[in-house]
Amino acid sequence: MNEERAVKVADAIRMLVARLQIHHPRSPRKYVTISLGVAEKGDATTDELALTRDADIALYHAKEQGRDCSVADSSLVSSRLEMPSLVPSTPDLEGA
């Protein structure tokens, strides 16, 4: 599945969750919404952790844009080096 298709699937899931209208008492929207980050495994992707990191960065940007949206990693190429990842690196995992 390419990134464009993955974003369409993410948006469909996001809209289905919104349609459920799950009440959230502390949300200004009053209902649960979700944001999604999408990343595509390409030639430059070194491993699964790198792919997860890219999706994590896209998710962070989706939340930053006001939530309830989907963001593709390819739209954030310049941000990859600036954004810390919540996903541990391979050396961090090997030392654990």
PDB file of N, CA and C in Angstrom:
ATOM      1  N   MET A   1       0.859  -1.169   0.000  1.00  0.00           N
ATOM      2  CA  MET A   1       0.000   0.000   0.000  1.00  0.00           C
ATOM      3  C   MET A   1       0.907   1.234   0.000  1.00  0.00           C
ATOM      4  N   ASN A   2       0.633   2.166  -0.882  1.00  0.00           N
ATOM      5  CA  ASN A   2       1.438   3.397  -0.907  1.00  0.00           C
ATOM      6  C   ASN A   2       0.918   4.399   0.124  1.00  0.00           C
ATOM      7  N   GLU A   3       1.709   5.445   0.327  1.00  0.00           N
ATOM      8  CA  GLU A   3       1.379   6.417   1.366  1.00  0.00           C
ATOM      9  C   GLU A   3       0.046   7.125   1.108  1.00  0.00           C
ATOM     10  N   GLU A   4      -0.227   7.453  -0.130  1.00  0.00           N
ATOM     11  CA  GLU A   4      -1.483   8.142  -0.451  1.00  0.00           C
ATOM     12  C   GLU A   4      -2.689   7.281  -0.055  1.00  0.00           C
ATOM     13  N   ARG A   5      -2.614   6.006  -0.363  1.00  0.00           N
ATOM     14  CA  ARG A   5      -3.701   5.086  -0.006  1.00  0.00           C
ATOM     15  C   ARG A   5      -3.784   4.925   1.514  1.00  0.00           C
ATOM     16  N   ALA A   6      -2.631   4.857   2.167  1.00  0.00           N
ATOM     17  CA  ALA A   6      -2.596   4.714   3.627  1.00  0.00           C
ATOM     18  C   ALA A   6      -3.243   5.920   4.314  1.00  0.00           C
ATOM     19  N   VAL A   7      -3.018   7.115   3.781  1.00  0.00           N
ATOM     20  CA  VAL A   7      -3.643   8.314   4.343  1.00  0.00           C
ATOM     21  C   VAL A   7      -5.160   8.242   4.171  1.00  0.00           C
ATOM     22  N   LYS A   8      -5.621   7.740   3.033  1.00  0.00           N
ATOM     23  CA  LYS A   8      -7.069   7.600   2.816  1.00  0.00           C
ATOM     24  C   LYS A   8      -7.673   6.610   3.808  1.00  0.00           C
ATOM     25  N   VAL A   9      -6.965   5.516   4.065  1.00  0.00           N
ATOM     26  CA  VAL A   9      -7.438   4.536   5.045  1.00  0.00           C
ATOM     27  C   VAL A   9      -7.443   5.163   6.444  1.00  0.00           C
ATOM     28  N   ALA A  10      -6.372   5.886   6.784  1.00  0.00           N
ATOM     29  CA  ALA A  10      -6.292   6.560   8.089  1.00  0.00           C
ATOM     30  C   ALA A  10      -7.443   7.551   8.249  1.00  0.00           C
ATOM     31  N   ASP A  11      -7.734   8.309   7.212  1.00  0.00           N
ATOM     32  CA  ASP A  11      -8.843   9.273   7.280  1.00  0.00           C
ATOM     33  C   ASP A  11     -10.182   8.565   7.446  1.00  0.00           C
ATOM     34  N   ALA A  12     -10.348   7.420   6.783  1.00  0.00           N
ATOM     35  CA  ALA A  12     -11.598   6.669   6.923  1.00  0.00           C
ATOM     36  C   ALA A  12     -11.756   6.160   8.352  1.00  0.00           C
ATOM     37  N   ILE A  13     -10.683   5.659   8.946  1.00  0.00           N
ATOM     38  CA  ILE A  13     -10.730   5.193  10.338  1.00  0.00           C
ATOM     39  C   ILE A  13     -11.048   6.357  11.268  1.00  0.00           C
ATOM     40  N   ARG A  14     -10.396   7.485  11.031  1.00  0.00           N
ATOM     41  CA  ARG A  14     -10.620   8.686  11.846  1.00  0.00           C
ATOM     42  C   ARG A  14     -12.083   9.114  11.796  1.00  0.00           C
ATOM     43  N   MET A  15     -12.667   9.105  10.611  1.00  0.00           N
ATOM     44  CA  MET A  15     -14.067   9.505  10.466  1.00  0.00           C
ATOM     45  C   MET A  15     -15.017   8.497  11.119  1.00  0.00           C
ATOM     46  N   LEU A  16     -14.674   7.207  11.049  1.00  0.00           N
ATOM     47  CA  LEU A  16     -15.510   6.195  11.695  1.00  0.00           C
ATOM     48  C   LEU A  16     -15.503   6.379  13.211  1.00  0.00           C
ATOM     49  N   VAL A  17     -14.340   6.672  13.782  1.00  0.00           N
ATOM     50  CA  VAL A  17     -14.266   6.915  15.225  1.00  0.00           C
ATOM     51  C   VAL A  17     -15.105   8.143  15.590  1.00  0.00           C
ATOM     52  N   ALA A  18     -15.007   9.193  14.801  1.00  0.00           N
ATOM     53  CA  ALA A  18     -15.789  10.403  15.071  1.00  0.00           C
ATOM     54  C   ALA A  18     -17.292  10.107  15.009  1.00  0.00           C
ATOM     55  N   ARG A  19     -17.683   9.262  14.067  1.00  0.00           N
ATOM     56  CA  ARG A  19     -19.104   8.921  13.914  1.00  0.00           C
ATOM     57  C   ARG A  19     -19.662   8.145  15.103  1.00  0.00           C
ATOM     58  N   LEU A  20     -18.778   7.469  15.849  1.00  0.00           N
ATOM     59  CA  LEU A  20     -19.221   6.723  17.021  1.00  0.00           C
ATOM     60  C   LEU A  20     -19.718   7.656  18.125  1.00  0.00           C
ATOM     61  N   GLN A  21     -19.274   8.898  18.101  1.00  0.00           N
ATOM     62  CA  GLN A  21     -19.659   9.924  19.074  1.00  0.00           C
ATOM     63  C   GLN A  21     -19.510   9.412  20.514  1.00  0.00           C
ATOM     64  N   ILE A  22     -18.305   8.960  20.825  1.00  0.00           N
ATOM     65  CA  ILE A  22     -17.983   8.513  22.179  1.00  0.00           C
ATOM     66  C   ILE A  22     -17.773   9.763  23.023  1.00  0.00           C
ATOM     67  N   HIS A  23     -18.578   9.919  24.031  1.00  0.00           N
ATOM     68  CA  HIS A  23     -18.543  11.120  24.869  1.00  0.00           C
ATOM     69  C   HIS A  23     -17.213  11.214  25.624  1.00  0.00           C
ATOM     70  N   HIS A  24     -16.635  12.401  25.636  1.00  0.00           N
ATOM     71  CA  HIS A  24     -15.397  12.690  26.368  1.00  0.00           C
ATOM     72  C   HIS A  24     -15.643  13.948  27.189  1.00  0.00           C
ATOM     73  N   PRO A  25     -15.873  13.816  28.487  1.00  0.00           N
ATOM     74  CA  PRO A  25     -16.290  14.959  29.303  1.00  0.00           C
ATOM     75  C   PRO A  25     -15.272  16.092  29.386  1.00  0.00           C
ATOM     76  N   ARG A  26     -13.982  15.817  29.199  1.00  0.00           N
ATOM     77  CA  ARG A  26     -12.972  16.876  29.328  1.00  0.00           C
ATOM     78  C   ARG A  26     -12.515  17.437  27.992  1.00  0.00           C
ATOM     79  N   SER A  27     -13.079  16.972  26.912  1.00  0.00           N
ATOM     80  CA  SER A  27     -12.673  17.447  25.592  1.00  0.00           C
ATOM     81  C   SER A  27     -13.513  18.640  25.162  1.00  0.00           C
ATOM     82  N   PRO A  28     -12.853  19.663  24.603  1.00  0.00           N
ATOM     83  CA  PRO A  28     -13.627  20.800  24.093  1.00  0.00           C
ATOM     84  C   PRO A  28     -14.555  20.385  22.940  1.00  0.00           C
ATOM     85  N   ARG A  29     -14.237  19.280  22.280  1.00  0.00           N
ATOM     86  CA  ARG A  29     -15.082  18.787  21.182  1.00  0.00           C
ATOM     87  C   ARG A  29     -16.238  17.941  21.691  1.00  0.00           C
ATOM     88  N   LYS A  30     -16.182  17.528  22.960  1.00  0.00           N
ATOM     89  CA  LYS A  30     -17.188  16.723  23.641  1.00  0.00           C
ATOM     90  C   LYS A  30     -17.173  15.252  23.247  1.00  0.00           C
ATOM     91  N   TYR A  31     -16.487  14.917  22.169  1.00  0.00           N
ATOM     92  CA  TYR A  31     -16.420  13.537  21.714  1.00  0.00           C
ATOM     93  C   TYR A  31     -14.964  13.146  21.438  1.00  0.00           C
ATOM     94  N   VAL A  32     -14.708  11.849  21.519  1.00  0.00           N
ATOM     95  CA  VAL A  32     -13.377  11.315  21.246  1.00  0.00           C
ATOM     96  C   VAL A  32     -13.055  11.480  19.763  1.00  0.00           C
ATOM     97  N   THR A  33     -11.866  11.958  19.486  1.00  0.00           N
ATOM     98  CA  THR A  33     -11.347  12.000  18.119  1.00  0.00           C
ATOM     99  C   THR A  33      -9.951  11.389  18.141  1.00  0.00           C
ATOM    100  N   ILE A  34      -9.454  11.020  16.977  1.00  0.00           N
ATOM    101  CA  ILE A  34      -8.105  10.464  16.897  1.00  0.00           C
ATOM    102  C   ILE A  34      -7.308  11.191  15.819  1.00  0.00           C
ATOM    103  N   SER A  35      -6.012  11.180  16.015  1.00  0.00           N
ATOM    104  CA  SER A  35      -5.082  11.675  15.004  1.00  0.00           C
ATOM    105  C   SER A  35      -4.195  10.507  14.614  1.00  0.00           C
ATOM    106  N   LEU A  36      -3.759  10.495  13.373  1.00  0.00           N
ATOM    107  CA  LEU A  36      -2.931   9.399  12.891  1.00  0.00           C
ATOM    108  C   LEU A  36      -1.725   9.919  12.143  1.00  0.00           C
ATOM    109  N   GLY A  37      -0.611   9.228  12.309  1.00  0.00           N
ATOM    110  CA  GLY A  37       0.594   9.501  11.553  1.00  0.00           C
ATOM    111  C   GLY A  37       0.850   8.338  10.619  1.00  0.00           C
ATOM    112  N   VAL A  38       1.163   8.624   9.377  1.00  0.00           N
ATOM    113  CA  VAL A  38       1.362   7.592   8.362  1.00  0.00           C
ATOM    114  C   VAL A  38       2.759   7.711   7.792  1.00  0.00           C
ATOM    115  N   ALA A  39       3.435   6.570   7.658  1.00  0.00           N
ATOM    116  CA  ALA A  39       4.760   6.545   7.043  1.00  0.00           C
ATOM    117  C   ALA A  39       4.822   5.367   6.073  1.00  0.00           C
ATOM    118  N   GLU A  40       5.537   5.569   4.987  1.00  0.00           N
ATOM    119  CA  GLU A  40       5.692   4.524   3.972  1.00  0.00           C
ATOM    120  C   GLU A  40       7.118   4.000   4.002  1.00  0.00           C
ATOM    121  N   LYS A  41       7.247   2.691   3.952  1.00  0.00           N
ATOM    122  CA  LYS A  41       8.579   2.096   3.902  1.00  0.00           C
ATOM    123  C   LYS A  41       9.146   2.314   2.508  1.00  0.00           C
ATOM    124  N   GLY A  42      10.228   3.065   2.451  1.00  0.00           N
ATOM    125  CA  GLY A  42      10.863   3.337   1.166  1.00  0.00           C
ATOM    126  C   GLY A  42      12.302   2.864   1.163  1.00  0.00           C
ATOM    127  N   ASP A  43      13.028   3.201   0.099  1.00  0.00           N
ATOM    128  CA  ASP A  43      14.426   2.789  -0.032  1.00  0.00           C
ATOM    129  C   ASP A  43      15.289   3.345   1.096  1.00  0.00           C
ATOM    130  N   ALA A  44      14.957   4.517   1.606  1.00  0.00           N
ATOM    131  CA  ALA A  44      15.755   5.153   2.651  1.00  0.00           C
ATOM    132  C   ALA A  44      15.418   4.634   4.051  1.00  0.00           C
ATOM    133  N   THR A  45      14.353   3.846   4.168  1.00  0.00           N
ATOM    134  CA  THR A  45      13.968   3.312   5.473  1.00  0.00           C
ATOM    135  C   THR A  45      14.920   2.192   5.839  1.00  0.00           C
ATOM    136  N   THR A  46      15.631   2.364   6.951  1.00  0.00           N
ATOM    137  CA  THR A  46      16.657   1.399   7.321  1.00  0.00           C
ATOM    138  C   THR A  46      16.111   0.178   8.046  1.00  0.00           C
ATOM    139  N   ASP A  47      15.077   0.348   8.850  1.00  0.00           N
ATOM    140  CA  ASP A  47      14.494  -0.780   9.575  1.00  0.00           C
ATOM    141  C   ASP A  47      13.116  -0.404  10.110  1.00  0.00           C
ATOM    142  N   GLU A  48      12.513  -1.353  10.811  1.00  0.00           N
ATOM    143  CA  GLU A  48      11.165  -1.117  11.334  1.00  0.00           C
ATOM    144  C   GLU A  48      11.137   0.016  12.355  1.00  0.00           C
ATOM    145  N   LEU A  49      12.200   0.159  13.133  1.00  0.00           N
ATOM    146  CA  LEU A  49      12.231   1.245  14.116  1.00  0.00           C
ATOM    147  C   LEU A  49      12.255   2.606  13.431  1.00  0.00           C
ATOM    148  N   ALA A  50      12.972   2.705  12.315  1.00  0.00           N
ATOM    149  CA  ALA A  50      12.997   3.962  11.563  1.00  0.00           C
ATOM    150  C   ALA A  50      11.613   4.264  10.998  1.00  0.00           C
ATOM    151  N   LEU A  51      10.929   3.241  10.519  1.00  0.00           N
ATOM    152  CA  LEU A  51       9.575   3.419   9.989  1.00  0.00           C
ATOM    153  C   LEU A  51       8.623   3.863  11.101  1.00  0.00           C
ATOM    154  N   THR A  52       8.752   3.241  12.269  1.00  0.00           N
ATOM    155  CA  THR A  52       7.930   3.628  13.413  1.00  0.00           C
ATOM    156  C   THR A  52       8.241   5.054  13.844  1.00  0.00           C
ATOM    157  N   ARG A  53       9.524   5.421  13.821  1.00  0.00           N
ATOM    158  CA  ARG A  53       9.918   6.792  14.176  1.00  0.00           C
ATOM    159  C   ARG A  53       9.278   7.790  13.224  1.00  0.00           C
ATOM    160  N   ASP A  54       9.297   7.493  11.939  1.00  0.00           N
ATOM    161  CA  ASP A  54       8.707   8.403  10.959  1.00  0.00           C
ATOM    162  C   ASP A  54       7.206   8.564  11.173  1.00  0.00           C
ATOM    163  N   ALA A  55       6.519   7.464  11.468  1.00  0.00           N
ATOM    164  CA  ALA A  55       5.081   7.541  11.744  1.00  0.00           C
ATOM    165  C   ALA A  55       4.823   8.298  13.045  1.00  0.00           C
ATOM    166  N   ASP A  56       5.703   8.112  14.028  1.00  0.00           N
ATOM    167  CA  ASP A  56       5.601   8.809  15.304  1.00  0.00           C
ATOM    168  C   ASP A  56       5.728  10.324  15.115  1.00  0.00           C
ATOM    169  N   ILE A  57       6.664  10.728  14.295  1.00  0.00           N
ATOM    170  CA  ILE A  57       6.851  12.152  14.005  1.00  0.00           C
ATOM    171  C   ILE A  57       5.620  12.720  13.298  1.00  0.00           C
ATOM    172  N   ALA A  58       5.084  11.956  12.345  1.00  0.00           N
ATOM    173  CA  ALA A  58       3.881  12.402  11.631  1.00  0.00           C
ATOM    174  C   ALA A  58       2.706  12.528  12.603  1.00  0.00           C
ATOM    175  N   LEU A  59       2.585  11.589  13.542  1.00  0.00           N
ATOM    176  CA  LEU A  59       1.520  11.654  14.540  1.00  0.00           C
ATOM    177  C   LEU A  59       1.677  12.898  15.407  1.00  0.00           C
ATOM    178  N   TYR A  60       2.889  13.193  15.837  1.00  0.00           N
ATOM    179  CA  TYR A  60       3.139  14.383  16.647  1.00  0.00           C
ATOM    180  C   TYR A  60       2.684  15.642  15.903  1.00  0.00           C
ATOM    181  N   HIS A  61       2.993  15.703  14.614  1.00  0.00           N
ATOM    182  CA  HIS A  61       2.579  16.859  13.819  1.00  0.00           C
ATOM    183  C   HIS A  61       1.061  16.907  13.644  1.00  0.00           C
ATOM    184  N   ALA A  62       0.426  15.753  13.529  1.00  0.00           N
ATOM    185  CA  ALA A  62      -1.040  15.727  13.427  1.00  0.00           C
ATOM    186  C   ALA A  62      -1.665  16.317  14.685  1.00  0.00           C
ATOM    187  N   LYS A  63      -1.141  15.938  15.835  1.00  0.00           N
ATOM    188  CA  LYS A  63      -1.669  16.474  17.090  1.00  0.00           C
ATOM    189  C   LYS A  63      -1.386  17.966  17.206  1.00  0.00           C
ATOM    190  N   GLU A  64      -0.238  18.377  16.723  1.00  0.00           N
ATOM    191  CA  GLU A  64       0.138  19.787  16.760  1.00  0.00           C
ATOM    192  C   GLU A  64      -0.790  20.641  15.891  1.00  0.00           C
ATOM    193  N   GLN A  65      -1.348  20.057  14.832  1.00  0.00           N
ATOM    194  CA  GLN A  65      -2.222  20.789  13.911  1.00  0.00           C
ATOM    195  C   GLN A  65      -3.644  20.936  14.452  1.00  0.00           C
ATOM    196  N   GLY A  66      -3.872  20.503  15.663  1.00  0.00           N
ATOM    197  CA  GLY A  66      -5.194  20.669  16.243  1.00  0.00           C
ATOM    198  C   GLY A  66      -5.941  19.377  16.442  1.00  0.00           C
ATOM    199  N   ARG A  67      -5.294  18.282  16.243  1.00  0.00           N
ATOM    200  CA  ARG A  67      -5.889  16.955  16.443  1.00  0.00           C
ATOM    201  C   ARG A  67      -6.957  16.640  15.398  1.00  0.00           C
ATOM    202  N   ASP A  68      -7.474  15.419  15.482  1.00  0.00           N
ATOM    203  CA  ASP A  68      -8.498  14.943  14.558  1.00  0.00           C
ATOM    204  C   ASP A  68      -8.073  15.114  13.102  1.00  0.00           C
ATOM    205  N   CYS A  69      -6.854  14.640  12.793  1.00  0.00           N
ATOM    206  CA  CYS A  69      -6.391  14.693  11.412  1.00  0.00           C
ATOM    207  C   CYS A  69      -5.365  13.590  11.166  1.00  0.00           C
ATOM    208  N   SER A  70      -5.031  13.388   9.910  1.00  0.00           N
ATOM    209  CA  SER A  70      -4.025  12.422   9.502  1.00  0.00           C
ATOM    210  C   SER A  70      -2.909  13.177   8.801  1.00  0.00           C
ATOM    211  N   VAL A  71      -1.665  12.811   9.117  1.00  0.00           N
ATOM    212  CA  VAL A  71      -0.508  13.458   8.510  1.00  0.00           C
ATOM    213  C   VAL A  71       0.416  12.393   7.950  1.00  0.00           C
ATOM    214  N   ALA A  72       0.881  12.630   6.720  1.00  0.00           N
ATOM    215  CA  ALA A  72       1.820  11.718   6.073  1.00  0.00           C
ATOM    216  C   ALA A  72       3.251  12.155   6.353  1.00  0.00           C
ATOM    217  N   ASP A  73       4.098  11.193   6.613  1.00  0.00           N
ATOM    218  CA  ASP A  73       5.505  11.447   6.891  1.00  0.00           C
ATOM    219  C   ASP A  73       6.192  12.190   5.750  1.00  0.00           C
ATOM    220  N   SER A  74       5.824  11.917   4.522  1.00  0.00           N
ATOM    221  CA  SER A  74       6.500  12.539   3.381  1.00  0.00           C
ATOM    222  C   SER A  74       6.334  14.052   3.363  1.00  0.00           C
ATOM    223  N   SER A  75       5.303  14.551   4.041  1.00  0.00           N
ATOM    224  CA  SER A  75       5.095  15.998   4.079  1.00  0.00           C
ATOM    225  C   SER A  75       5.973  16.666   5.134  1.00  0.00           C
ATOM    226  N   LEU A  76       6.764  15.863   5.857  1.00  0.00           N
ATOM    227  CA  LEU A  76       7.553  16.383   6.972  1.00  0.00           C
ATOM    228  C   LEU A  76       9.043  16.125   6.825  1.00  0.00           C
ATOM    229  N   VAL A  77       9.533  15.967   5.628  1.00  0.00           N
ATOM    230  CA  VAL A  77      10.924  15.583   5.407  1.00  0.00           C
ATOM    231  C   VAL A  77      11.895  16.465   6.175  1.00  0.00           C
ATOM    232  N   SER A  78      11.694  17.765   6.199  1.00  0.00           N
ATOM    233  CA  SER A  78      12.624  18.669   6.875  1.00  0.00           C
ATOM    234  C   SER A  78      12.528  18.572   8.390  1.00  0.00           C
ATOM    235  N   SER A  79      11.445  18.004   8.896  1.00  0.00           N
ATOM    236  CA  SER A  79      11.257  17.942  10.347  1.00  0.00           C
ATOM    237  C   SER A  79      11.900  16.721  10.984  1.00  0.00           C
ATOM    238  N   ARG A  80      12.285  15.736  10.214  1.00  0.00           N
ATOM    239  CA  ARG A  80      12.787  14.488  10.787  1.00  0.00           C
ATOM    240  C   ARG A  80      13.976  14.688  11.707  1.00  0.00           C
ATOM    241  N   LEU A  81      14.879  15.551  11.335  1.00  0.00           N
ATOM    242  CA  LEU A  81      16.076  15.746  12.134  1.00  0.00           C
ATOM    243  C   LEU A  81      15.818  16.613  13.353  1.00  0.00           C
ATOM    244  N   GLU A  82      14.777  17.425  13.312  1.00  0.00           N
ATOM    245  CA  GLU A  82      14.488  18.354  14.398  1.00  0.00           C
ATOM    246  C   GLU A  82      13.623  17.744  15.494  1.00  0.00           C
ATOM    247  N   MET A  83      12.893  16.706  15.207  1.00  0.00           N
ATOM    248  CA  MET A  83      11.908  16.171  16.128  1.00  0.00           C
ATOM    249  C   MET A  83      12.443  14.954  16.861  1.00  0.00           C
ATOM    250  N   PRO A  84      12.463  14.987  18.208  1.00  0.00           N
ATOM    251  CA  PRO A  84      12.866  13.792  18.941  1.00  0.00           C
ATOM    252  C   PRO A  84      11.789  12.722  18.798  1.00  0.00           C
ATOM    253  N   SER A  85      12.202  11.476  18.782  1.00  0.00           N
ATOM    254  CA  SER A  85      11.252  10.387  18.643  1.00  0.00           C
ATOM    255  C   SER A  85      10.921   9.793  19.996  1.00  0.00           C
ATOM    256  N   LEU A  86       9.698   9.320  20.134  1.00  0.00           N
ATOM    257  CA  LEU A  86       9.307   8.604  21.339  1.00  0.00           C
ATOM    258  C   LEU A  86       9.708   7.137  21.247  1.00  0.00           C
ATOM    259  N   VAL A  87      10.132   6.713  20.058  1.00  0.00           N
ATOM    260  CA  VAL A  87      10.521   5.328  19.838  1.00  0.00           C
ATOM    261  C   VAL A  87      12.012   5.191  20.110  1.00  0.00           C
ATOM    262  N   PRO A  88      12.436   4.220  20.950  1.00  0.00           N
ATOM    263  CA  PRO A  88      13.857   4.065  21.236  1.00  0.00           C
ATOM    264  C   PRO A  88      14.640   3.631  20.014  1.00  0.00           C
ATOM    265  N   SER A  89      15.900   4.012  19.970  1.00  0.00           N
ATOM    266  CA  SER A  89      16.757   3.596  18.865  1.00  0.00           C
ATOM    267  C   SER A  89      17.218   2.172  19.079  1.00  0.00           C
ATOM    268  N   THR A  90      17.763   1.542  18.044  1.00  0.00           N
ATOM    269  CA  THR A  90      18.243   0.162  18.148  1.00  0.00           C
ATOM    270  C   THR A  90      19.313   0.022  19.229  1.00  0.00           C
ATOM    271  N   PRO A  91      20.321   0.931  19.310  1.00  0.00           N
ATOM    272  CA  PRO A  91      21.302   0.791  20.400  1.00  0.00           C
ATOM    273  C   PRO A  91      20.663   0.889  21.786  1.00  0.00           C
ATOM    274  N   ASP A  92      19.639   1.722  21.945  1.00  0.00           N
ATOM    275  CA  ASP A  92      18.948   1.832  23.228  1.00  0.00           C
ATOM    276  C   ASP A  92      18.281   0.511  23.601  1.00  0.00           C
ATOM    277  N   LEU A  93      17.696  -0.151  22.604  1.00  0.00           N
ATOM    278  CA  LEU A  93      17.016  -1.417  22.856  1.00  0.00           C
ATOM    279  C   LEU A  93      18.026  -2.525  23.161  1.00  0.00           C
ATOM    280  N   GLU A  94      19.161  -2.516  22.472  1.00  0.00           N
ATOM    281  CA  GLU A  94      20.169  -3.553  22.683  1.00  0.00           C
ATOM    282  C   GLU A  94      20.778  -3.449  24.073  1.00  0.00           C
ATOM    283  N   GLY A  95      20.850  -2.236  24.629  1.00  0.00           N
ATOM    284  CA  GLY A  95      21.426  -2.042  25.949  1.00  0.00           C
ATOM    285  C   GLY A  95      20.453  -2.342  27.078  1.00  0.00           C
ATOM    286  N   ALA A  96      19.201  -2.554  26.729  1.00  0.00           N
ATOM    287  CA  ALA A  96      18.173  -2.774  27.769  1.00  0.00           C
ATOM    288  C   ALA A  96      18.200  -4.193  28.290  1.00  0.00           C
TER     289      ALA A  96
END
